[in-house]
């Protein structure tokens, strides 16, 4: 399972960044344009709001599970959430969490 989480994290980095790099190449780091395009119509706004809510849910889950299992690598997942996105942060957190859960089960 851990290997699958890493593969999903890699996919979750490469595919979104492919599109983000295209945007940067075409427009530079124009945050105003990025926000305008993100909410340009109802369907893109739907996906943006869904993503933001999913990130909040992930943060609650991550902090709760980190406290429960004393997961020290949560800072890496926080960094990945704000630099790459949920598509990396979630599988990466599940990767780290997997080791803590298995070590607690063996005790």
C-alpha atoms as a PDB file:
ATOM      1  CA  UNK A   1       0.000   0.000   0.000  1.00  0.00           C
ATOM      2  CA  UNK A   2       2.840   2.419   0.819  1.00  0.00           C
ATOM      3  CA  UNK A   3       4.240   2.085  -2.694  1.00  0.00           C
ATOM      4  CA  UNK A   4       0.812   2.914  -4.136  1.00  0.00           C
ATOM      5  CA  UNK A   5       0.628   6.076  -2.001  1.00  0.00           C
ATOM      6  CA  UNK A   6       4.002   7.214  -3.352  1.00  0.00           C
ATOM      7  CA  UNK A   7       2.951   6.517  -6.942  1.00  0.00           C
ATOM      8  CA  UNK A   8      -0.297   8.449  -6.423  1.00  0.00           C
ATOM      9  CA  UNK A   9       1.657  11.318  -4.860  1.00  0.00           C
ATOM     10  CA  UNK A  10       3.982  11.397  -7.860  1.00  0.00           C
ATOM     11  CA  UNK A  11       1.028  11.420 -10.265  1.00  0.00           C
ATOM     12  CA  UNK A  12      -0.615  14.066  -8.080  1.00  0.00           C
ATOM     13  CA  UNK A  13       2.457  16.254  -8.518  1.00  0.00           C
ATOM     14  CA  UNK A  14       3.195  15.771 -12.212  1.00  0.00           C
ATOM     15  CA  UNK A  15      -0.280  16.169 -13.703  1.00  0.00           C
ATOM     16  CA  UNK A  16      -1.390  19.353 -11.889  1.00  0.00           C
ATOM     17  CA  UNK A  17       2.021  20.964 -12.340  1.00  0.00           C
ATOM     18  CA  UNK A  18       1.908  20.231 -16.074  1.00  0.00           C
ATOM     19  CA  UNK A  19      -1.034  22.624 -16.349  1.00  0.00           C
ATOM     20  CA  UNK A  20       0.312  25.118 -13.814  1.00  0.00           C
ATOM     21  CA  UNK A  21       3.633  25.393 -15.651  1.00  0.00           C
ATOM     22  CA  UNK A  22       1.735  26.055 -18.888  1.00  0.00           C
ATOM     23  CA  UNK A  23      -0.150  28.858 -17.128  1.00  0.00           C
ATOM     24  CA  UNK A  24       3.114  30.313 -15.771  1.00  0.00           C
ATOM     25  CA  UNK A  25       4.750  30.098 -19.188  1.00  0.00           C
ATOM     26  CA  UNK A  26       1.831  31.927 -20.823  1.00  0.00           C
ATOM     27  CA  UNK A  27       0.983  34.466 -18.087  1.00  0.00           C
ATOM     28  CA  UNK A  28       3.762  34.570 -15.531  1.00  0.00           C
ATOM     29  CA  UNK A  29       2.820  34.556 -11.861  1.00  0.00           C
ATOM     30  CA  UNK A  30      -0.300  36.680 -12.321  1.00  0.00           C
ATOM     31  CA  UNK A  31      -2.301  35.811  -9.196  1.00  0.00           C
ATOM     32  CA  UNK A  32      -5.134  38.143 -10.161  1.00  0.00           C
ATOM     33  CA  UNK A  33      -5.594  36.376 -13.484  1.00  0.00           C
ATOM     34  CA  UNK A  34      -5.292  33.005 -11.770  1.00  0.00           C
ATOM     35  CA  UNK A  35      -8.128  33.858  -9.372  1.00  0.00           C
ATOM     36  CA  UNK A  36     -10.208  35.347 -12.189  1.00  0.00           C
ATOM     37  CA  UNK A  37      -9.839  32.205 -14.304  1.00  0.00           C
ATOM     38  CA  UNK A  38     -10.430  29.947 -11.310  1.00  0.00           C
ATOM     39  CA  UNK A  39     -13.861  31.494 -10.745  1.00  0.00           C
ATOM     40  CA  UNK A  40     -14.621  32.408 -14.369  1.00  0.00           C
ATOM     41  CA  UNK A  41     -17.774  30.270 -14.564  1.00  0.00           C
ATOM     42  CA  UNK A  42     -19.961  28.172 -12.299  1.00  0.00           C
ATOM     43  CA  UNK A  43     -18.337  24.832 -13.096  1.00  0.00           C
ATOM     44  CA  UNK A  44     -14.788  26.061 -12.429  1.00  0.00           C
ATOM     45  CA  UNK A  45     -16.048  27.752  -9.244  1.00  0.00           C
ATOM     46  CA  UNK A  46     -17.653  24.427  -8.257  1.00  0.00           C
ATOM     47  CA  UNK A  47     -14.304  22.642  -8.563  1.00  0.00           C
ATOM     48  CA  UNK A  48     -12.417  25.435  -6.804  1.00  0.00           C
ATOM     49  CA  UNK A  49     -14.788  25.515  -3.830  1.00  0.00           C
ATOM     50  CA  UNK A  50     -14.855  21.710  -3.655  1.00  0.00           C
ATOM     51  CA  UNK A  51     -11.052  21.699  -3.600  1.00  0.00           C
ATOM     52  CA  UNK A  52     -10.854  24.354  -0.870  1.00  0.00           C
ATOM     53  CA  UNK A  53     -13.338  22.475   1.330  1.00  0.00           C
ATOM     54  CA  UNK A  54     -11.445  19.211   0.706  1.00  0.00           C
ATOM     55  CA  UNK A  55      -8.225  20.909   1.817  1.00  0.00           C
ATOM     56  CA  UNK A  56      -9.865  22.068   5.052  1.00  0.00           C
ATOM     57  CA  UNK A  57     -11.187  18.548   5.696  1.00  0.00           C
ATOM     58  CA  UNK A  58      -7.719  17.153   5.004  1.00  0.00           C
ATOM     59  CA  UNK A  59      -6.139  19.593   7.475  1.00  0.00           C
ATOM     60  CA  UNK A  60      -8.578  18.562  10.206  1.00  0.00           C
ATOM     61  CA  UNK A  61      -7.957  14.876   9.433  1.00  0.00           C
ATOM     62  CA  UNK A  62      -4.188  15.338   9.270  1.00  0.00           C
ATOM     63  CA  UNK A  63      -3.899  17.209  12.573  1.00  0.00           C
ATOM     64  CA  UNK A  64      -6.221  14.761  14.321  1.00  0.00           C
ATOM     65  CA  UNK A  65      -4.383  11.689  13.030  1.00  0.00           C
ATOM     66  CA  UNK A  66      -0.986  13.289  13.667  1.00  0.00           C
ATOM     67  CA  UNK A  67      -1.915  13.819  17.301  1.00  0.00           C
ATOM     68  CA  UNK A  68      -3.382  10.324  17.592  1.00  0.00           C
ATOM     69  CA  UNK A  69      -0.337   8.523  16.121  1.00  0.00           C
ATOM     70  CA  UNK A  70       2.314  11.167  16.918  1.00  0.00           C
ATOM     71  CA  UNK A  71       3.184  11.582  13.232  1.00  0.00           C
ATOM     72  CA  UNK A  72       6.203  13.856  13.048  1.00  0.00           C
ATOM     73  CA  UNK A  73       6.235  14.296   9.253  1.00  0.00           C
ATOM     74  CA  UNK A  74       3.009  16.304   9.136  1.00  0.00           C
ATOM     75  CA  UNK A  75       5.010  19.450   8.357  1.00  0.00           C
ATOM     76  CA  UNK A  76       6.107  17.870   5.061  1.00  0.00           C
ATOM     77  CA  UNK A  77       2.457  17.278   4.191  1.00  0.00           C
ATOM     78  CA  UNK A  78       1.550  20.857   5.127  1.00  0.00           C
ATOM     79  CA  UNK A  79       4.339  22.160   2.929  1.00  0.00           C
ATOM     80  CA  UNK A  80       3.265  19.921   0.054  1.00  0.00           C
ATOM     81  CA  UNK A  81      -0.376  21.038   0.430  1.00  0.00           C
ATOM     82  CA  UNK A  82       0.562  24.710   0.008  1.00  0.00           C
ATOM     83  CA  UNK A  83       3.213  24.217  -2.693  1.00  0.00           C
ATOM     84  CA  UNK A  84       1.785  21.402  -4.832  1.00  0.00           C
ATOM     85  CA  UNK A  85      -1.713  20.657  -3.613  1.00  0.00           C
ATOM     86  CA  UNK A  86      -3.984  18.095  -2.070  1.00  0.00           C
ATOM     87  CA  UNK A  87      -3.133  15.595  -4.803  1.00  0.00           C
ATOM     88  CA  UNK A  88       0.340  15.239  -3.262  1.00  0.00           C
ATOM     89  CA  UNK A  89      -0.361  16.077   0.378  1.00  0.00           C
ATOM     90  CA  UNK A  90      -3.052  13.429   0.943  1.00  0.00           C
ATOM     91  CA  UNK A  91      -1.202  10.403  -0.472  1.00  0.00           C
ATOM     92  CA  UNK A  92       1.996  11.575   1.209  1.00  0.00           C
ATOM     93  CA  UNK A  93       0.256  11.824   4.569  1.00  0.00           C
ATOM     94  CA  UNK A  94      -1.304   8.375   4.079  1.00  0.00           C
ATOM     95  CA  UNK A  95       2.174   7.066   3.244  1.00  0.00           C
ATOM     96  CA  UNK A  96       3.593   8.404   6.527  1.00  0.00           C
ATOM     97  CA  UNK A  97       0.513   7.404   8.529  1.00  0.00           C
ATOM     98  CA  UNK A  98       0.704   3.829   7.232  1.00  0.00           C
ATOM     99  CA  UNK A  99       4.030   3.260   9.020  1.00  0.00           C
ATOM    100  CA  UNK A 100       2.737   4.640  12.319  1.00  0.00           C
ATOM    101  CA  UNK A 101      -0.459   2.590  12.211  1.00  0.00           C
ATOM    102  CA  UNK A 102       1.428  -0.619  11.416  1.00  0.00           C
ATOM    103  CA  UNK A 103       4.016   0.012  14.142  1.00  0.00           C
ATOM    104  CA  UNK A 104       1.232   0.654  16.691  1.00  0.00           C
ATOM    105  CA  UNK A 105      -0.579  -2.545  15.660  1.00  0.00           C
ATOM    106  CA  UNK A 106       2.536  -4.636  16.261  1.00  0.00           C
ATOM    107  CA  UNK A 107       3.081  -3.357  19.829  1.00  0.00           C
END
